PDB file of N, CA and C in Angstrom:
ATOM      1  N   MET A   1     246.653-174.018  19.596  1.00  0.00           N
ATOM      2  CA  MET A   1     245.484-174.579  20.245  1.00  0.00           C
ATOM      3  C   MET A   1     244.752-175.524  19.294  1.00  0.00           C
ATOM      4  N   PRO A   2     244.476-176.739  19.726  1.00  0.00           N
ATOM      5  CA  PRO A   2     243.752-177.647  18.841  1.00  0.00           C
ATOM      6  C   PRO A   2     242.289-177.220  18.706  1.00  0.00           C
ATOM      7  N   THR A   3     241.800-177.353  17.511  1.00  0.00           N
ATOM      8  CA  THR A   3     240.404-176.977  17.295  1.00  0.00           C
ATOM      9  C   THR A   3     239.522-178.180  17.603  1.00  0.00           C
ATOM     10  N   GLU A   4     238.516-177.934  18.410  1.00  0.00           N
ATOM     11  CA  GLU A   4     237.584-179.011  18.747  1.00  0.00           C
ATOM     12  C   GLU A   4     236.492-179.062  17.693  1.00  0.00           C
ATOM     13  N   SER A   5     236.275-180.255  17.184  1.00  0.00           N
ATOM     14  CA  SER A   5     235.193-180.375  16.211  1.00  0.00           C
ATOM     15  C   SER A   5     233.904-180.708  16.953  1.00  0.00           C
ATOM     16  N   LYS A   6     232.852-180.056  16.518  1.00  0.00           N
ATOM     17  CA  LYS A   6     231.545-180.298  17.137  1.00  0.00           C
ATOM     18  C   LYS A   6     231.094-181.703  16.787  1.00  0.00           C
ATOM     19  N   PRO A   7     230.464-182.385  17.735  1.00  0.00           N
ATOM     20  CA  PRO A   7     229.935-183.704  17.360  1.00  0.00           C
ATOM     21  C   PRO A   7     228.822-183.531  16.339  1.00  0.00           C
ATOM     22  N   LYS A   8     228.817-184.429  15.359  1.00  0.00           N
ATOM     23  CA  LYS A   8     227.792-184.334  14.312  1.00  0.00           C
ATOM     24  C   LYS A   8     226.417-184.525  14.933  1.00  0.00           C
ATOM     25  N   ARG A   9     225.479-183.710  14.482  1.00  0.00           N
ATOM     26  CA  ARG A   9     224.113-183.782  14.984  1.00  0.00           C
ATOM     27  C   ARG A   9     223.429-184.999  14.393  1.00  0.00           C
ATOM     28  N   LYS A  10     222.850-185.809  15.252  1.00  0.00           N
ATOM     29  CA  LYS A  10     222.173-187.019  14.771  1.00  0.00           C
ATOM     30  C   LYS A  10     220.781-186.663  14.264  1.00  0.00           C
ATOM     31  N   ALA A  11     220.409-187.259  13.145  1.00  0.00           N
ATOM     32  CA  ALA A  11     219.081-187.039  12.581  1.00  0.00           C
ATOM     33  C   ALA A  11     218.044-187.707  13.478  1.00  0.00           C
ATOM     34  N   ASN A  12     216.921-187.057  13.618  1.00  0.00           N
ATOM     35  CA  ASN A  12     215.829-187.610  14.409  1.00  0.00           C
ATOM     36  C   ASN A  12     215.258-188.828  13.674  1.00  0.00           C
ATOM     37  N   PRO A  13     215.296-190.017  14.296  1.00  0.00           N
ATOM     38  CA  PRO A  13     214.800-191.218  13.604  1.00  0.00           C
ATOM     39  C   PRO A  13     213.338-191.109  13.177  1.00  0.00           C
ATOM     40  N   ALA A  14     212.539-190.349  13.920  1.00  0.00           N
ATOM     41  CA  ALA A  14     211.124-190.183  13.561  1.00  0.00           C
ATOM     42  C   ALA A  14     210.983-189.461  12.221  1.00  0.00           C
ATOM     43  N   LEU A  15     211.934-188.591  11.893  1.00  0.00           N
ATOM     44  CA  LEU A  15     211.875-187.860  10.632  1.00  0.00           C
ATOM     45  C   LEU A  15     212.310-188.737   9.452  1.00  0.00           C
ATOM     46  N   LEU A  16     213.042-189.800   9.741  1.00  0.00           N
ATOM     47  CA  LEU A  16     213.558-190.670   8.681  1.00  0.00           C
ATOM     48  C   LEU A  16     212.623-191.830   8.361  1.00  0.00           C
ATOM     49  N   LYS A  17     211.721-192.155   9.294  1.00  0.00           N
ATOM     50  CA  LYS A  17     210.803-193.283   9.101  1.00  0.00           C
ATOM     51  C   LYS A  17     209.782-192.946   8.016  1.00  0.00           C
ATOM     52  N   PRO A  18     209.622-193.824   7.033  1.00  0.00           N
ATOM     53  CA  PRO A  18     208.647-193.540   5.965  1.00  0.00           C
ATOM     54  C   PRO A  18     207.213-193.447   6.493  1.00  0.00           C
ATOM     55  N   VAL A  19     206.476-192.497   5.971  1.00  0.00           N
ATOM     56  CA  VAL A  19     205.064-192.346   6.303  1.00  0.00           C
ATOM     57  C   VAL A  19     204.262-192.413   5.006  1.00  0.00           C
ATOM     58  N   GLN A  20     203.022-192.828   5.112  1.00  0.00           N
ATOM     59  CA  GLN A  20     202.152-192.991   3.946  1.00  0.00           C
ATOM     60  C   GLN A  20     201.193-191.807   3.835  1.00  0.00           C
ATOM     61  N   PRO A  21     201.328-190.964   2.778  1.00  0.00           N
ATOM     62  CA  PRO A  21     200.367-189.874   2.586  1.00  0.00           C
ATOM     63  C   PRO A  21     198.978-190.441   2.272  1.00  0.00           C
ATOM     64  N   ASP A  22     197.923-189.815   2.800  1.00  0.00           N
ATOM     65  CA  ASP A  22     196.572-190.245   2.452  1.00  0.00           C
ATOM     66  C   ASP A  22     196.236-189.725   1.046  1.00  0.00           C
ATOM     67  N   ALA A  23     195.042-190.045   0.547  1.00  0.00           N
ATOM     68  CA  ALA A  23     194.660-189.697  -0.824  1.00  0.00           C
ATOM     69  C   ALA A  23     194.674-188.191  -1.071  1.00  0.00           C
ATOM     70  N   VAL A  24     194.278-187.405  -0.069  1.00  0.00           N
ATOM     71  CA  VAL A  24     194.237-185.945  -0.214  1.00  0.00           C
ATOM     72  C   VAL A  24     195.646-185.385  -0.390  1.00  0.00           C
ATOM     73  N   LEU A  25     196.568-185.812   0.473  1.00  0.00           N
ATOM     74  CA  LEU A  25     197.956-185.331   0.395  1.00  0.00           C
ATOM     75  C   LEU A  25     198.679-185.928  -0.812  1.00  0.00           C
ATOM     76  N   ALA A  26     198.313-187.144  -1.194  1.00  0.00           N
ATOM     77  CA  ALA A  26     198.947-187.797  -2.347  1.00  0.00           C
ATOM     78  C   ALA A  26     198.740-187.000  -3.633  1.00  0.00           C
ATOM     79  N   ALA A  27     197.657-186.220  -3.707  1.00  0.00           N
ATOM     80  CA  ALA A  27     197.414-185.379  -4.883  1.00  0.00           C
ATOM     81  C   ALA A  27     198.496-184.312  -5.034  1.00  0.00           C
ATOM     82  N   VAL A  28     199.165-183.985  -3.924  1.00  0.00           N
ATOM     83  CA  VAL A  28     200.221-182.965  -3.933  1.00  0.00           C
ATOM     84  C   VAL A  28     201.609-183.600  -4.019  1.00  0.00           C
ATOM     85  N   VAL A  29     201.858-184.655  -3.229  1.00  0.00           N
ATOM     86  CA  VAL A  29     203.220-185.197  -3.114  1.00  0.00           C
ATOM     87  C   VAL A  29     203.416-186.586  -3.722  1.00  0.00           C
ATOM     88  N   GLY A  30     202.365-187.200  -4.210  1.00  0.00           N
ATOM     89  CA  GLY A  30     202.470-188.567  -4.729  1.00  0.00           C
ATOM     90  C   GLY A  30     202.081-189.566  -3.653  1.00  0.00           C
ATOM     91  N   SER A  31     201.831-190.803  -4.055  1.00  0.00           N
ATOM     92  CA  SER A  31     201.288-191.781  -3.118  1.00  0.00           C
ATOM     93  C   SER A  31     202.319-192.728  -2.512  1.00  0.00           C
ATOM     94  N   THR A  32     203.597-192.590  -2.884  1.00  0.00           N
ATOM     95  CA  THR A  32     204.604-193.489  -2.328  1.00  0.00           C
ATOM     96  C   THR A  32     205.010-193.043  -0.927  1.00  0.00           C
ATOM     97  N   PRO A  33     205.265-194.002  -0.015  1.00  0.00           N
ATOM     98  CA  PRO A  33     205.701-193.644   1.335  1.00  0.00           C
ATOM     99  C   PRO A  33     207.061-192.939   1.290  1.00  0.00           C
ATOM    100  N   VAL A  34     207.170-191.844   2.030  1.00  0.00           N
ATOM    101  CA  VAL A  34     208.425-191.082   2.111  1.00  0.00           C
ATOM    102  C   VAL A  34     208.650-190.659   3.555  1.00  0.00           C
ATOM    103  N   SER A  35     209.885-190.264   3.882  1.00  0.00           N
ATOM    104  CA  SER A  35     210.175-189.790   5.230  1.00  0.00           C
ATOM    105  C   SER A  35     209.503-188.433   5.437  1.00  0.00           C
ATOM    106  N   ARG A  36     209.309-188.044   6.688  1.00  0.00           N
ATOM    107  CA  ARG A  36     208.686-186.750   6.980  1.00  0.00           C
ATOM    108  C   ARG A  36     209.499-185.595   6.406  1.00  0.00           C
ATOM    109  N   GLY A  37     210.819-185.725   6.465  1.00  0.00           N
ATOM    110  CA  GLY A  37     211.687-184.694   5.899  1.00  0.00           C
ATOM    111  C   GLY A  37     211.484-184.546   4.406  1.00  0.00           C
ATOM    112  N   GLU A  38     211.418-185.668   3.718  1.00  0.00           N
ATOM    113  CA  GLU A  38     211.198-185.673   2.267  1.00  0.00           C
ATOM    114  C   GLU A  38     209.795-185.164   1.932  1.00  0.00           C
ATOM    115  N   LEU A  39     208.830-185.510   2.776  1.00  0.00           N
ATOM    116  CA  LEU A  39     207.450-185.066   2.585  1.00  0.00           C
ATOM    117  C   LEU A  39     207.378-183.538   2.627  1.00  0.00           C
ATOM    118  N   THR A  40     208.017-182.957   3.634  1.00  0.00           N
ATOM    119  CA  THR A  40     208.045-181.496   3.771  1.00  0.00           C
ATOM    120  C   THR A  40     208.719-180.868   2.554  1.00  0.00           C
ATOM    121  N   LYS A  41     209.818-181.476   2.103  1.00  0.00           N
ATOM    122  CA  LYS A  41     210.535-180.963   0.931  1.00  0.00           C
ATOM    123  C   LYS A  41     209.624-180.985  -0.307  1.00  0.00           C
ATOM    124  N   LYS A  42     208.883-182.087  -0.478  1.00  0.00           N
ATOM    125  CA  LYS A  42     207.992-182.207  -1.642  1.00  0.00           C
ATOM    126  C   LYS A  42     206.875-181.161  -1.596  1.00  0.00           C
ATOM    127  N   VAL A  43     206.336-180.905  -0.403  1.00  0.00           N
ATOM    128  CA  VAL A  43     205.280-179.893  -0.273  1.00  0.00           C
ATOM    129  C   VAL A  43     205.853-178.525  -0.632  1.00  0.00           C
ATOM    130  N   TRP A  44     207.053-178.214  -0.139  1.00  0.00           N
ATOM    131  CA  TRP A  44     207.682-176.924  -0.463  1.00  0.00           C
ATOM    132  C   TRP A  44     207.995-176.811  -1.948  1.00  0.00           C
ATOM    133  N   ASP A  45     208.429-177.916  -2.567  1.00  0.00           N
ATOM    134  CA  ASP A  45     208.688-177.908  -4.017  1.00  0.00           C
ATOM    135  C   ASP A  45     207.395-177.569  -4.765  1.00  0.00           C
ATOM    136  N   TYR A  46     206.283-178.152  -4.321  1.00  0.00           N
ATOM    137  CA  TYR A  46     204.970-177.896  -4.931  1.00  0.00           C
ATOM    138  C   TYR A  46     204.587-176.426  -4.763  1.00  0.00           C
ATOM    139  N   ILE A  47     204.788-175.900  -3.559  1.00  0.00           N
ATOM    140  CA  ILE A  47     204.445-174.501  -3.268  1.00  0.00           C
ATOM    141  C   ILE A  47     205.251-173.559  -4.168  1.00  0.00           C
ATOM    142  N   LYS A  48     206.547-173.831  -4.286  1.00  0.00           N
ATOM    143  CA  LYS A  48     207.413-172.974  -5.111  1.00  0.00           C
ATOM    144  C   LYS A  48     207.071-173.099  -6.597  1.00  0.00           C
ATOM    145  N   LYS A  49     206.826-174.325  -7.045  1.00  0.00           N
ATOM    146  CA  LYS A  49     206.503-174.568  -8.460  1.00  0.00           C
ATOM    147  C   LYS A  49     205.236-173.818  -8.871  1.00  0.00           C
ATOM    148  N   HIS A  50     204.250-173.783  -7.978  1.00  0.00           N
ATOM    149  CA  HIS A  50     202.976-173.140  -8.283  1.00  0.00           C
ATOM    150  C   HIS A  50     202.875-171.707  -7.739  1.00  0.00           C
ATOM    151  N   LYS A  51     204.007-171.184  -7.229  1.00  0.00           N
ATOM    152  CA  LYS A  51     204.086-169.806  -6.712  1.00  0.00           C
ATOM    153  C   LYS A  51     202.967-169.513  -5.702  1.00  0.00           C
ATOM    154  N   LEU A  52     202.881-170.359  -4.663  1.00  0.00           N
ATOM    155  CA  LEU A  52     201.824-170.243  -3.669  1.00  0.00           C
ATOM    156  C   LEU A  52     202.262-169.541  -2.386  1.00  0.00           C
ATOM    157  N   GLN A  53     203.559-169.201  -2.298  1.00  0.00           N
ATOM    158  CA  GLN A  53     204.019-168.450  -1.129  1.00  0.00           C
ATOM    159  C   GLN A  53     203.603-166.998  -1.311  1.00  0.00           C
ATOM    160  N   ASP A  54     202.991-166.416  -0.287  1.00  0.00           N
ATOM    161  CA  ASP A  54     202.500-165.050  -0.383  1.00  0.00           C
ATOM    162  C   ASP A  54     203.654-164.087  -0.681  1.00  0.00           C
ATOM    163  N   GLU A  55     203.460-163.195  -1.643  1.00  0.00           N
ATOM    164  CA  GLU A  55     204.508-162.255  -2.052  1.00  0.00           C
ATOM    165  C   GLU A  55     204.873-161.263  -0.948  1.00  0.00           C
ATOM    166  N   LYS A  56     203.862-160.732  -0.269  1.00  0.00           N
ATOM    167  CA  LYS A  56     204.114-159.698   0.746  1.00  0.00           C
ATOM    168  C   LYS A  56     204.533-160.293   2.085  1.00  0.00           C
ATOM    169  N   LYS A  57     203.836-161.333   2.516  1.00  0.00           N
ATOM    170  CA  LYS A  57     204.139-161.961   3.801  1.00  0.00           C
ATOM    171  C   LYS A  57     204.596-163.390   3.542  1.00  0.00           C
ATOM    172  N   LYS A  58     205.904-163.588   3.487  1.00  0.00           N
ATOM    173  CA  LYS A  58     206.507-164.856   3.066  1.00  0.00           C
ATOM    174  C   LYS A  58     206.161-166.045   3.964  1.00  0.00           C
ATOM    175  N   THR A  59     205.712-165.803   5.199  1.00  0.00           N
ATOM    176  CA  THR A  59     205.370-166.913   6.089  1.00  0.00           C
ATOM    177  C   THR A  59     203.980-167.476   5.802  1.00  0.00           C
ATOM    178  N   MET A  60     203.251-166.846   4.877  1.00  0.00           N
ATOM    179  CA  MET A  60     201.900-167.306   4.542  1.00  0.00           C
ATOM    180  C   MET A  60     201.923-168.128   3.248  1.00  0.00           C
ATOM    181  N   ILE A  61     201.128-169.183   3.245  1.00  0.00           N
ATOM    182  CA  ILE A  61     200.996-170.039   2.070  1.00  0.00           C
ATOM    183  C   ILE A  61     199.568-169.909   1.546  1.00  0.00           C
ATOM    184  N   ASN A  62     199.425-169.546   0.273  1.00  0.00           N
ATOM    185  CA  ASN A  62     198.119-169.448  -0.369  1.00  0.00           C
ATOM    186  C   ASN A  62     197.799-170.805  -0.985  1.00  0.00           C
ATOM    187  N   ALA A  63     196.624-171.325  -0.721  1.00  0.00           N
ATOM    188  CA  ALA A  63     196.277-172.666  -1.193  1.00  0.00           C
ATOM    189  C   ALA A  63     195.611-172.641  -2.558  1.00  0.00           C
ATOM    190  N   ASP A  64     196.037-173.575  -3.420  1.00  0.00           N
ATOM    191  CA  ASP A  64     195.282-173.834  -4.646  1.00  0.00           C
ATOM    192  C   ASP A  64     194.275-174.936  -4.292  1.00  0.00           C
ATOM    193  N   ALA A  65     193.572-175.477  -5.252  1.00  0.00           N
ATOM    194  CA  ALA A  65     192.525-176.469  -4.964  1.00  0.00           C
ATOM    195  C   ALA A  65     193.074-177.697  -4.220  1.00  0.00           C
ATOM    196  N   ALA A  66     194.236-178.202  -4.653  1.00  0.00           N
ATOM    197  CA  ALA A  66     194.808-179.400  -4.030  1.00  0.00           C
ATOM    198  C   ALA A  66     195.239-179.129  -2.592  1.00  0.00           C
ATOM    199  N   LEU A  67     195.904-177.989  -2.369  1.00  0.00           N
ATOM    200  CA  LEU A  67     196.349-177.673  -1.011  1.00  0.00           C
ATOM    201  C   LEU A  67     195.194-177.283  -0.103  1.00  0.00           C
ATOM    202  N   LYS A  68     194.165-176.702  -0.663  1.00  0.00           N
ATOM    203  CA  LYS A  68     193.000-176.310   0.135  1.00  0.00           C
ATOM    204  C   LYS A  68     192.401-177.548   0.807  1.00  0.00           C
ATOM    205  N   ALA A  69     192.382-178.668   0.090  1.00  0.00           N
ATOM    206  CA  ALA A  69     191.888-179.921   0.657  1.00  0.00           C
ATOM    207  C   ALA A  69     192.788-180.385   1.804  1.00  0.00           C
ATOM    208  N   VAL A  70     194.102-180.244   1.629  1.00  0.00           N
ATOM    209  CA  VAL A  70     195.067-180.624   2.666  1.00  0.00           C
ATOM    210  C   VAL A  70     194.911-179.701   3.885  1.00  0.00           C
ATOM    211  N   PHE A  71     194.649-178.428   3.630  1.00  0.00           N
ATOM    212  CA  PHE A  71     194.550-177.421   4.701  1.00  0.00           C
ATOM    213  C   PHE A  71     193.165-177.344   5.332  1.00  0.00           C
ATOM    214  N   GLY A  72     192.334-178.353   5.104  1.00  0.00           N
ATOM    215  CA  GLY A  72     191.013-178.388   5.722  1.00  0.00           C
ATOM    216  C   GLY A  72     190.085-177.294   5.238  1.00  0.00           C
ATOM    217  N   GLY A  73     190.227-176.887   3.973  1.00  0.00           N
ATOM    218  CA  GLY A  73     189.336-175.888   3.389  1.00  0.00           C
ATOM    219  C   GLY A  73     189.816-174.454   3.537  1.00  0.00           C
ATOM    220  N   LYS A  74     190.927-174.243   4.255  1.00  0.00           N
ATOM    221  CA  LYS A  74     191.454-172.882   4.425  1.00  0.00           C
ATOM    222  C   LYS A  74     192.158-172.438   3.151  1.00  0.00           C
ATOM    223  N   SER A  75     191.969-171.154   2.789  1.00  0.00           N
ATOM    224  CA  SER A  75     192.606-170.666   1.566  1.00  0.00           C
ATOM    225  C   SER A  75     193.999-170.093   1.832  1.00  0.00           C
ATOM    226  N   GLN A  76     194.331-169.862   3.113  1.00  0.00           N
ATOM    227  CA  GLN A  76     195.669-169.367   3.454  1.00  0.00           C
ATOM    228  C   GLN A  76     196.024-169.832   4.861  1.00  0.00           C
ATOM    229  N   VAL A  77     197.260-170.327   5.034  1.00  0.00           N
ATOM    230  CA  VAL A  77     197.746-170.758   6.341  1.00  0.00           C
ATOM    231  C   VAL A  77     199.183-170.271   6.518  1.00  0.00           C
ATOM    232  N   THR A  78     199.660-170.250   7.775  1.00  0.00           N
ATOM    233  CA  THR A  78     201.068-169.923   8.012  1.00  0.00           C
ATOM    234  C   THR A  78     201.886-171.181   7.726  1.00  0.00           C
ATOM    235  N   MET A  79     203.176-171.009   7.480  1.00  0.00           N
ATOM    236  CA  MET A  79     204.012-172.181   7.202  1.00  0.00           C
ATOM    237  C   MET A  79     204.100-173.099   8.423  1.00  0.00           C
ATOM    238  N   PHE A  80     203.914-172.531   9.621  1.00  0.00           N
ATOM    239  CA  PHE A  80     203.970-173.339  10.840  1.00  0.00           C
ATOM    240  C   PHE A  80     202.681-174.151  10.990  1.00  0.00           C
ATOM    241  N   GLU A  81     201.562-173.540  10.672  1.00  0.00           N
ATOM    242  CA  GLU A  81     200.268-174.220  10.712  1.00  0.00           C
ATOM    243  C   GLU A  81     200.225-175.313   9.642  1.00  0.00           C
ATOM    244  N   MET A  82     200.852-175.049   8.504  1.00  0.00           N
ATOM    245  CA  MET A  82     200.883-175.991   7.396  1.00  0.00           C
ATOM    246  C   MET A  82     201.474-177.334   7.835  1.00  0.00           C
ATOM    247  N   THR A  83     202.566-177.303   8.589  1.00  0.00           N
ATOM    248  CA  THR A  83     203.223-178.524   9.044  1.00  0.00           C
ATOM    249  C   THR A  83     202.273-179.369   9.885  1.00  0.00           C
ATOM    250  N   LYS A  84     201.531-178.713  10.775  1.00  0.00           N
ATOM    251  CA  LYS A  84     200.576-179.411  11.636  1.00  0.00           C
ATOM    252  C   LYS A  84     199.444-180.020  10.790  1.00  0.00           C
ATOM    253  N   LEU A  85     198.964-179.257   9.815  1.00  0.00           N
ATOM    254  CA  LEU A  85     197.867-179.753   8.973  1.00  0.00           C
ATOM    255  C   LEU A  85     198.302-180.940   8.113  1.00  0.00           C
ATOM    256  N   ILE A  86     199.537-180.916   7.640  1.00  0.00           N
ATOM    257  CA  ILE A  86     200.060-182.011   6.822  1.00  0.00           C
ATOM    258  C   ILE A  86     200.144-183.285   7.659  1.00  0.00           C
ATOM    259  N   SER A  87     200.529-183.161   8.923  1.00  0.00           N
ATOM    260  CA  SER A  87     200.656-184.326   9.806  1.00  0.00           C
ATOM    261  C   SER A  87     199.345-185.094   9.931  1.00  0.00           C
ATOM    262  N   GLY A  88     198.235-184.409   9.792  1.00  0.00           N
ATOM    263  CA  GLY A  88     196.942-185.077   9.855  1.00  0.00           C
ATOM    264  C   GLY A  88     196.621-185.918   8.626  1.00  0.00           C
ATOM    265  N   HIS A  89     197.472-185.842   7.611  1.00  0.00           N
ATOM    266  CA  HIS A  89     197.221-186.568   6.359  1.00  0.00           C
ATOM    267  C   HIS A  89     198.240-187.683   6.106  1.00  0.00           C
ATOM    268  N   VAL A  90     198.943-188.102   7.158  1.00  0.00           N
ATOM    269  CA  VAL A  90     199.910-189.196   6.978  1.00  0.00           C
ATOM    270  C   VAL A  90     199.635-190.312   7.964  1.00  0.00           C
ATOM    271  N   LYS A  91     199.972-191.516   7.526  1.00  0.00           N
ATOM    272  CA  LYS A  91     199.879-192.702   8.397  1.00  0.00           C
ATOM    273  C   LYS A  91     201.302-193.208   8.612  1.00  0.00           C
ATOM    274  N   SER A  92     201.666-193.408   9.866  1.00  0.00           N
ATOM    275  CA  SER A  92     203.026-193.903  10.170  1.00  0.00           C
ATOM    276  C   SER A  92     203.187-195.350   9.795  1.00  0.00           C
TER     277      SER A  92
END
């Protein structure tokens, strides 16, 4: 029986288009325009580098001073809420 190969999944063009972080988000990820996918990766790299993922509940992110500004003053958000809050700090 011939094996059928799955068609390769196409990347969402909206995720590949560079976006410009505002000054608040630039403090975390830098000020150069990057794709949304790369932006998310940079935020996660920052979270891991500074050990901001909650030890007991891994879906929670604890904010340091820079992330607190991005999170609208909240000291802890869920990883799902984080994505929405980050979107408010980019210009397409």
